[in-house]
Amino acid sequence: MKVSFPRMGYSHLAFRWLLEEIGLECIVPPEPNNETLDLGVRYSPEFACIPFKVLMGSYLQVAAMGAEVIITSGGCGPCRAGYYWIMHQKLLEEIGVKTKVVAFEDPMAGIWDFIRKLNLFRNAGGVSIRHFVRTFKTAWEKVKAMDDMEILSYEVRPYEVTKGDTSRALQQSLVLLDQAKDMKQVEQARQEGLQSIKNVPQDINRDILKVGIIGEIYVLLEPSINQYMQQMLGDMGVQAERSIYLSSYTRHNIFSQGEHDIRQAARPYLNEQCIGGHGVNSIGETVLYARHGYDGVIQLAPFSCIPEIVARSILPKVSQEMDIPVMTFFLDEQTSKAGVETRLEAFIDLLQKRREKKRGNRNTSLILLPTGRSKFDETPKLVAADK
């Protein structure tokens, strides 16, 4: 059986290893590129969001590479993403592509369906339950180790003396992790990788800005969709912390009852706790970033994403009351690297001047709204366009 899956950051390394270890042939999806977008836009509904279009294009690419089955995730609630796999399957059938899409739903909502689908792939690979469980656990540890390395790289990058050293150290660390065959080797590769990133020559005397990145999970996790924004900010001398990583999302939102601190932080601004997607998280995470002294927040949202649009309408009030600037990027197939970079440079310049004014004991306020005037008072405010 030839199996593939959506690409999300570095997670494809662990997923490929898992599938091959249980005896399946893995078709690794290429990093989303112009061809991916062209295919996705051509065969998707016009007003579908960019995650839908990118996934559609990616599925067509791996199908052309011989994939017989595509593993993806389902979902529930108001967000449309839970139904995407059904629409993708229907579109593939209409095009004449015979590749099958298999969606894994939240195991806590249907554990037996989850186990049945796992057994489907275990049986196709012809491995024992014991071997499958051991391999699955090792792959999970790889995912966690990858996230730990990536998080550390974004902490180190703003301080690196020679541009590119952190990226090279991260790639070398991922190679070590990819070669690990069991839990012990994974832990050893994790420690060696983290140490390699820490050893990057740094100028710790730099006075850097700290920015939190919030928004919808797919545009956060797949850097090719957000134009490698987190790395771009690091190269600008900004420590950018992403609110979502695959391992933390899985622990907090699938195998537990959710991130209570985030929902509690959002409650004064959004009492409805089920608007779909990551809308509530975007509000709560902005509050927490403000409480932890971050200089600003960037919201990443697919164009037409209803949960993030709801969050965007509330963020100006959060920005004013918590005294933290917020900039929103609505992303679609027209988003360019040059446009993202230009807006980031302007935003970082504003944050830097705001910090200087604060240190000079001057009263200042920076609230980013889609109009040139704050709806909370009559004082002209600095503006950031949504698109």
Protein backbone atom coordinates (compact mmCIF):
# COMPACT_ATOMS: atom_id res chain seq x y z
CA MET A 1 0.00 0.00 0.00
CA LYS A 2 1.34 3.42 -1.00
CA VAL A 3 0.36 5.98 1.62
CA SER A 4 0.73 9.75 1.86
CA PHE A 5 -0.45 12.59 4.11
CA PRO A 6 -0.59 16.43 4.25
CA ARG A 7 2.66 18.25 4.87
CA MET A 8 2.85 20.32 8.06
CA GLY A 9 6.25 21.71 8.94
CA TYR A 10 8.84 19.06 9.82
CA SER A 11 6.28 16.45 10.93
CA HIS A 12 6.59 14.61 7.60
CA LEU A 13 9.92 13.18 8.82
CA ALA A 14 8.23 11.36 11.70
CA PHE A 15 5.21 10.30 9.66
CA ARG A 16 7.37 8.89 6.87
CA TRP A 17 9.45 6.93 9.39
CA LEU A 18 6.31 5.56 11.04
CA LEU A 19 4.75 4.35 7.81
CA GLU A 20 7.93 2.74 6.54
CA GLU A 21 8.60 1.03 9.88
CA ILE A 22 5.20 -0.68 9.79
CA GLY A 23 5.84 -1.99 6.28
CA LEU A 24 4.05 0.57 4.10
CA GLU A 25 5.45 2.51 1.15
CA CYS A 26 5.38 6.21 1.95
CA ILE A 27 4.88 8.92 -0.66
CA VAL A 28 6.28 12.06 0.99
CA PRO A 29 4.36 15.12 -0.21
CA PRO A 30 6.54 17.87 -1.70
CA GLU A 31 6.69 21.17 0.15
CA PRO A 32 3.74 23.29 -1.05
CA ASN A 33 4.88 25.34 -4.03
CA ASN A 34 3.46 27.23 -7.01
CA GLU A 35 2.38 24.00 -8.67
CA THR A 36 0.56 22.96 -5.49
CA LEU A 37 -1.32 26.25 -5.38
CA ASP A 38 -2.09 26.20 -9.11
CA LEU A 39 -3.63 22.74 -8.82
CA GLY A 40 -5.49 23.59 -5.65
CA VAL A 41 -6.95 26.82 -7.01
CA ARG A 42 -7.95 25.13 -10.28
CA TYR A 43 -9.93 22.32 -8.66
CA SER A 44 -11.24 23.98 -5.48
CA PRO A 45 -14.28 26.22 -4.91
CA GLU A 46 -13.37 29.86 -5.46
CA PHE A 47 -14.06 30.97 -1.90
CA ALA A 48 -12.45 28.00 -0.16
CA CYS A 49 -9.67 29.01 2.24
CA ILE A 50 -5.99 28.53 1.46
CA PRO A 51 -5.59 25.39 3.65
CA PHE A 52 -8.32 23.72 1.55
CA LYS A 53 -6.65 24.74 -1.71
CA VAL A 54 -3.14 23.77 -0.61
CA LEU A 55 -4.34 20.38 0.61
CA MET A 56 -6.26 19.81 -2.63
CA GLY A 57 -3.16 20.61 -4.67
CA SER A 58 -0.98 18.44 -2.45
CA TYR A 59 -3.38 15.50 -2.75
CA LEU A 60 -3.30 15.76 -6.54
CA GLN A 61 0.50 15.85 -6.48
CA VAL A 62 0.89 12.75 -4.32
CA ALA A 63 -1.80 10.96 -6.32
CA ALA A 64 0.27 11.59 -9.45
CA MET A 65 3.26 10.15 -7.57
CA GLY A 66 1.34 6.91 -7.00
CA ALA A 67 -0.31 7.37 -3.59
CA GLU A 68 -3.21 4.98 -3.09
CA VAL A 69 -4.32 6.28 0.30
CA ILE A 70 -4.00 9.70 1.91
CA ILE A 71 -4.18 9.92 5.70
CA THR A 72 -5.57 13.17 7.07
CA SER A 73 -7.48 14.49 10.08
CA GLY A 74 -11.16 15.16 10.54
CA GLY A 75 -12.75 17.44 13.08
CA CYS A 76 -16.01 18.64 14.56
CA GLY A 77 -17.71 21.87 15.48
CA PRO A 78 -18.47 25.06 13.56
CA CYS A 79 -15.14 25.11 11.68
CA ARG A 80 -15.48 23.82 8.11
CA ALA A 81 -12.11 22.06 8.26
CA GLY A 82 -13.71 18.97 9.78
CA TYR A 83 -15.52 18.38 6.48
CA TYR A 84 -12.64 19.14 4.16
CA TRP A 85 -11.61 15.52 3.73
CA ILE A 86 -15.12 14.65 2.52
CA MET A 87 -15.06 17.47 -0.03
CA HIS A 88 -11.53 16.56 -1.11
CA GLN A 89 -12.59 12.94 -1.66
CA LYS A 90 -15.57 14.04 -3.73
CA LEU A 91 -13.45 16.39 -5.85
CA LEU A 92 -10.83 13.70 -6.44
CA GLU A 93 -13.56 11.33 -7.60
CA GLU A 94 -15.02 13.96 -9.94
CA ILE A 95 -11.57 14.52 -11.47
CA GLY A 96 -11.17 10.78 -11.93
CA VAL A 97 -8.46 10.25 -9.31
CA LYS A 98 -8.89 6.92 -7.50
CA THR A 99 -6.80 7.80 -4.42
CA LYS A 100 -8.71 7.19 -1.18
CA VAL A 101 -8.77 9.76 1.65
CA VAL A 102 -8.94 8.30 5.17
CA ALA A 103 -9.60 10.75 8.01
CA PHE A 104 -8.73 10.11 11.64
CA GLU A 105 -11.28 11.81 13.86
CA ASP A 106 -10.71 12.84 17.48
CA PRO A 107 -10.10 9.51 19.29
CA MET A 108 -11.88 10.83 22.38
CA ALA A 109 -15.04 11.23 20.28
CA GLY A 110 -14.88 7.72 18.82
CA ILE A 111 -12.09 5.52 20.13
CA TRP A 112 -13.21 2.34 18.35
CA ASP A 113 -13.31 4.02 14.94
CA PHE A 114 -9.83 5.39 15.64
CA ILE A 115 -8.51 1.93 16.56
CA ARG A 116 -10.22 0.33 13.56
CA LYS A 117 -8.44 2.69 11.18
CA LEU A 118 -5.10 2.13 12.91
CA ASN A 119 -5.58 -1.61 12.47
CA LEU A 120 -6.37 -1.08 8.81
CA PHE A 121 -2.85 0.25 8.22
CA ARG A 122 -1.20 -2.16 10.66
CA ASN A 123 -2.71 -5.12 8.83
CA ALA A 124 -1.71 -3.67 5.46
CA GLY A 125 1.88 -3.49 6.71
CA GLY A 126 1.73 -6.99 8.19
CA VAL A 127 3.23 -6.14 11.59
CA SER A 128 2.27 -7.26 15.08
CA ILE A 129 0.35 -5.08 17.52
CA ARG A 130 3.41 -4.92 19.76
CA HIS A 131 5.65 -3.71 16.95
CA PHE A 132 3.05 -1.19 15.83
CA VAL A 133 2.58 0.27 19.32
CA ARG A 134 6.34 0.52 19.87
CA THR A 135 6.82 2.22 16.49
CA PHE A 136 3.91 4.58 17.09
CA LYS A 137 5.36 5.66 20.45
CA THR A 138 8.78 6.23 18.92
CA ALA A 139 7.28 8.34 16.11
CA TRP A 140 5.42 10.41 18.72
CA GLU A 141 8.67 11.03 20.59
CA LYS A 142 10.20 12.16 17.30
CA VAL A 143 7.41 14.69 16.81
CA LYS A 144 7.97 16.08 20.32
CA ALA A 145 11.74 16.23 19.80
CA MET A 146 11.30 18.05 16.49
CA ASP A 147 9.10 20.64 18.16
CA ASP A 148 11.61 21.11 20.98
CA MET A 149 14.40 21.72 18.45
CA GLU A 150 12.31 24.12 16.38
CA ILE A 151 11.24 26.10 19.46
CA LEU A 152 14.85 26.46 20.58
CA SER A 153 15.97 27.53 17.10
CA TYR A 154 13.53 30.45 17.16
CA GLU A 155 14.86 31.49 20.57
CA VAL A 156 18.47 31.41 19.37
CA ARG A 157 18.08 32.86 15.85
CA PRO A 158 17.72 36.56 16.87
CA TYR A 159 21.04 36.33 18.74
CA GLU A 160 23.09 34.45 16.11
CA VAL A 161 26.32 36.16 15.10
CA THR A 162 26.43 34.70 11.59
CA LYS A 163 23.15 34.64 9.72
CA GLY A 164 22.12 31.11 8.81
CA ASP A 165 24.02 29.29 11.57
CA THR A 166 20.84 28.46 13.47
CA SER A 167 19.09 27.10 10.40
CA ARG A 168 22.08 24.92 9.57
CA ALA A 169 22.27 23.61 13.16
CA LEU A 170 18.55 22.83 13.11
CA GLN A 171 18.77 20.93 9.83
CA GLN A 172 21.73 18.89 11.09
CA SER A 173 19.81 18.10 14.28
CA LEU A 174 16.80 16.95 12.30
CA VAL A 175 19.01 14.62 10.26
CA LEU A 176 20.24 13.01 13.48
CA LEU A 177 16.68 12.64 14.71
CA ASP A 178 15.53 11.17 11.41
CA GLN A 179 18.16 8.44 11.72
CA ALA A 180 17.03 7.42 15.22
CA LYS A 181 15.45 3.95 15.32
CA ASP A 182 14.13 3.60 18.88
CA MET A 183 13.21 5.62 21.96
CA LYS A 184 16.76 5.64 23.34
CA GLN A 185 18.23 6.86 20.06
CA VAL A 186 15.51 9.49 19.73
CA GLU A 187 16.33 10.90 23.17
CA GLN A 188 20.05 10.88 22.37
CA ALA A 189 19.43 12.67 19.06
CA ARG A 190 17.20 15.16 20.85
CA GLN A 191 19.87 16.04 23.41
CA GLU A 192 22.62 16.28 20.79
CA GLY A 193 20.39 18.38 18.54
CA LEU A 194 19.42 20.81 21.28
CA GLN A 195 23.05 21.17 22.31
CA SER A 196 24.08 21.81 18.71
CA ILE A 197 21.56 24.64 18.43
CA LYS A 198 22.64 26.09 21.79
CA ASN A 199 26.25 26.07 20.59
CA VAL A 200 25.48 28.49 17.76
CA PRO A 201 27.66 31.61 18.38
CA GLN A 202 25.39 34.28 19.86
CA ASP A 203 25.52 37.92 20.84
CA ILE A 204 23.48 37.78 24.05
CA ASN A 205 23.78 41.53 24.59
CA ARG A 206 21.32 42.30 21.81
CA ASP A 207 18.13 44.01 22.93
CA ILE A 208 15.56 42.02 20.98
CA LEU A 209 11.81 42.35 20.61
CA LYS A 210 9.46 39.48 21.48
CA VAL A 211 6.43 38.80 19.31
CA GLY A 212 3.74 36.12 19.68
CA ILE A 213 2.19 34.50 16.61
CA ILE A 214 -1.41 33.30 16.84
CA GLY A 215 -4.05 32.05 14.41
CA GLU A 216 -5.31 29.04 12.47
CA ILE A 217 -3.31 25.85 12.92
CA TYR A 218 -2.42 24.99 9.33
CA VAL A 219 -1.15 28.43 8.30
CA LEU A 220 0.87 28.46 11.52
CA LEU A 221 2.42 25.00 11.16
CA GLU A 222 3.24 25.02 7.44
CA PRO A 223 5.87 27.75 6.88
CA SER A 224 5.54 27.76 3.09
CA ILE A 225 2.01 29.14 3.51
CA ASN A 226 3.02 32.04 5.79
CA GLN A 227 6.20 32.78 3.77
CA TYR A 228 8.44 31.47 6.56
CA MET A 229 7.36 34.35 8.75
CA GLN A 230 8.78 33.01 12.00
CA GLN A 231 12.22 32.56 10.48
CA MET A 232 11.93 35.94 8.76
CA LEU A 233 11.26 37.62 12.10
CA GLY A 234 14.25 35.87 13.64
CA ASP A 235 16.48 37.17 10.85
CA MET A 236 15.16 40.66 11.68
CA GLY A 237 16.35 40.22 15.26
CA VAL A 238 12.93 39.39 16.73
CA GLN A 239 12.17 36.42 18.95
CA ALA A 240 8.92 35.02 17.55
CA GLU A 241 6.98 32.47 19.59
CA ARG A 242 4.33 30.46 17.78
CA SER A 243 1.27 29.57 19.84
CA ILE A 244 0.74 26.14 18.24
CA TYR A 245 3.04 23.18 17.68
CA LEU A 246 1.80 19.77 16.59
CA SER A 247 2.85 17.99 19.81
CA SER A 248 1.36 20.59 22.15
CA TYR A 249 -1.85 20.79 20.11
CA THR A 250 -2.24 17.01 20.22
CA ARG A 251 -1.66 16.84 23.97
CA HIS A 252 -3.91 19.76 24.90
CA ASN A 253 -6.73 19.48 22.38
CA ILE A 254 -7.03 15.79 21.54
CA PHE A 255 -5.86 13.75 24.51
CA SER A 256 -7.04 16.21 27.20
CA GLN A 257 -9.90 18.60 27.87
CA GLY A 258 -8.25 21.61 26.27
CA GLU A 259 -6.15 24.57 27.27
CA HIS A 260 -8.12 25.94 30.20
CA ASP A 261 -5.78 28.87 30.88
CA ILE A 262 -6.22 30.15 27.32
CA ARG A 263 -10.00 29.80 27.38
CA GLN A 264 -10.16 31.45 30.77
CA ALA A 265 -8.07 34.38 29.50
CA ALA A 266 -10.41 34.78 26.51
CA ARG A 267 -13.64 34.64 28.52
CA PRO A 268 -13.88 38.39 29.39
CA TYR A 269 -13.79 39.18 25.67
CA LEU A 270 -15.48 36.11 24.17
CA ASN A 271 -17.78 34.19 26.48
CA GLU A 272 -18.89 31.81 23.71
CA GLN A 273 -16.28 29.05 23.91
CA CYS A 274 -17.18 27.15 20.73
CA ILE A 275 -16.89 29.34 17.64
CA GLY A 276 -14.82 26.74 15.78
CA GLY A 277 -11.21 26.59 14.68
CA HIS A 278 -8.79 28.53 16.87
CA GLY A 279 -10.79 31.72 17.27
CA VAL A 280 -11.06 31.47 21.05
CA ASN A 281 -7.36 30.58 21.29
CA SER A 282 -6.41 33.67 19.30
CA ILE A 283 -8.14 35.88 21.86
CA GLY A 284 -6.83 34.05 24.94
CA GLU A 285 -3.27 33.74 23.62
CA THR A 286 -3.13 37.47 22.90
CA VAL A 287 -4.11 38.17 26.51
CA LEU A 288 -1.45 35.78 27.81
CA TYR A 289 1.25 37.22 25.54
CA ALA A 290 0.41 40.68 26.91
CA ARG A 291 0.60 39.43 30.50
CA HIS A 292 4.03 37.90 29.81
CA GLY A 293 5.44 41.17 28.52
CA TYR A 294 5.57 40.51 24.78
CA ASP A 295 6.02 43.56 22.57
CA GLY A 296 3.37 42.61 20.01
CA VAL A 297 1.21 39.89 18.49
CA ILE A 298 0.74 38.76 14.88
CA GLN A 299 -2.44 36.96 13.85
CA LEU A 300 -2.26 34.62 10.84
CA ALA A 301 -5.60 33.74 9.30
CA PRO A 302 -6.73 32.14 6.05
CA PHE A 303 -8.77 34.58 4.00
CA SER A 304 -12.49 33.88 4.65
CA CYS A 305 -11.79 31.90 7.87
CA ILE A 306 -14.87 32.67 10.01
CA PRO A 307 -13.38 31.81 13.47
CA GLU A 308 -10.38 34.07 12.86
CA ILE A 309 -12.62 36.83 11.46
CA VAL A 310 -14.60 36.71 14.71
CA ALA A 311 -11.35 36.88 16.68
CA ARG A 312 -10.12 39.75 14.50
CA SER A 313 -13.21 41.82 15.34
CA ILE A 314 -12.48 41.43 19.08
CA LEU A 315 -8.68 41.86 19.03
CA PRO A 316 -8.77 45.72 18.85
CA LYS A 317 -10.45 45.80 22.26
CA VAL A 318 -7.94 43.29 23.64
CA SER A 319 -5.15 45.38 22.12
CA GLN A 320 -6.35 48.54 23.83
CA GLU A 321 -7.14 47.09 27.24
CA MET A 322 -4.02 44.89 27.42
CA ASP A 323 -1.80 47.55 25.82
CA ILE A 324 -0.30 45.27 23.17
CA PRO A 325 -0.16 45.97 19.41
CA VAL A 326 -1.77 43.37 17.15
CA MET A 327 -1.32 42.97 13.41
CA THR A 328 -3.44 40.61 11.27
CA PHE A 329 -2.36 38.86 8.07
CA PHE A 330 -5.14 37.31 6.01
CA LEU A 331 -3.42 34.76 3.78
CA ASP A 332 -4.49 33.42 0.40
CA GLU A 333 -2.92 32.34 -2.89
CA GLN A 334 -2.09 35.98 -3.70
CA THR A 335 0.08 36.48 -0.60
CA SER A 336 3.69 37.23 -1.56
CA LYS A 337 6.93 37.08 0.39
CA ALA A 338 7.79 40.68 -0.51
CA GLY A 339 4.43 41.92 0.78
CA VAL A 340 4.76 40.01 4.03
CA GLU A 341 8.32 41.20 4.57
CA THR A 342 7.40 44.85 3.95
CA ARG A 343 4.55 44.77 6.43
CA LEU A 344 6.67 42.98 9.03
CA GLU A 345 9.43 45.57 8.74
CA ALA A 346 6.92 48.37 9.30
CA PHE A 347 5.37 46.57 12.28
CA ILE A 348 8.74 45.86 13.90
CA ASP A 349 9.76 49.50 13.39
CA LEU A 350 6.60 50.60 15.19
CA LEU A 351 7.25 48.20 18.06
CA GLN A 352 10.81 49.42 18.41
CA LYS A 353 9.75 53.07 18.54
CA ARG A 354 7.02 52.19 21.01
CA ARG A 355 9.56 50.52 23.30
CA GLU A 356 11.87 53.55 23.07
CA LYS A 357 9.02 55.87 24.02
CA LYS A 358 8.08 53.70 26.97
CA ARG A 359 11.63 53.69 28.22
CA GLY A 360 11.65 57.44 27.88
CA ASN A 361 8.69 57.57 30.28
CA ARG A 362 6.41 58.87 27.57
CA ASN A 363 2.79 57.82 27.38
CA THR A 364 2.07 56.06 24.14
CA SER A 365 -0.59 53.78 22.75
CA LEU A 366 -0.48 51.63 19.65
CA ILE A 367 -3.70 49.99 18.49
CA LEU A 368 -3.88 48.44 15.04
CA LEU A 369 -7.31 48.81 13.48
CA PRO A 370 -8.64 48.47 9.93
CA THR A 371 -9.51 52.21 9.92
CA GLY A 372 -7.49 55.29 10.70
CA ARG A 373 -9.27 56.07 13.95
CA SER A 374 -9.85 54.04 17.11
CA LYS A 375 -13.45 53.19 17.87
CA PHE A 376 -12.68 53.51 21.57
CA ASP A 377 -11.71 57.20 21.61
CA GLU A 378 -11.17 60.19 19.37
CA THR A 379 -7.37 59.98 19.31
CA PRO A 380 -5.84 59.12 15.90
CA LYS A 381 -4.11 55.75 16.00
CA LEU A 382 -1.45 53.96 14.01
CA VAL A 383 -2.96 51.73 11.35
CA ALA A 384 -2.15 48.34 9.82
CA ALA A 385 -4.12 47.19 6.80
CA ASP A 386 -5.57 43.68 6.94
CA LYS A 387 -4.34 42.74 3.52
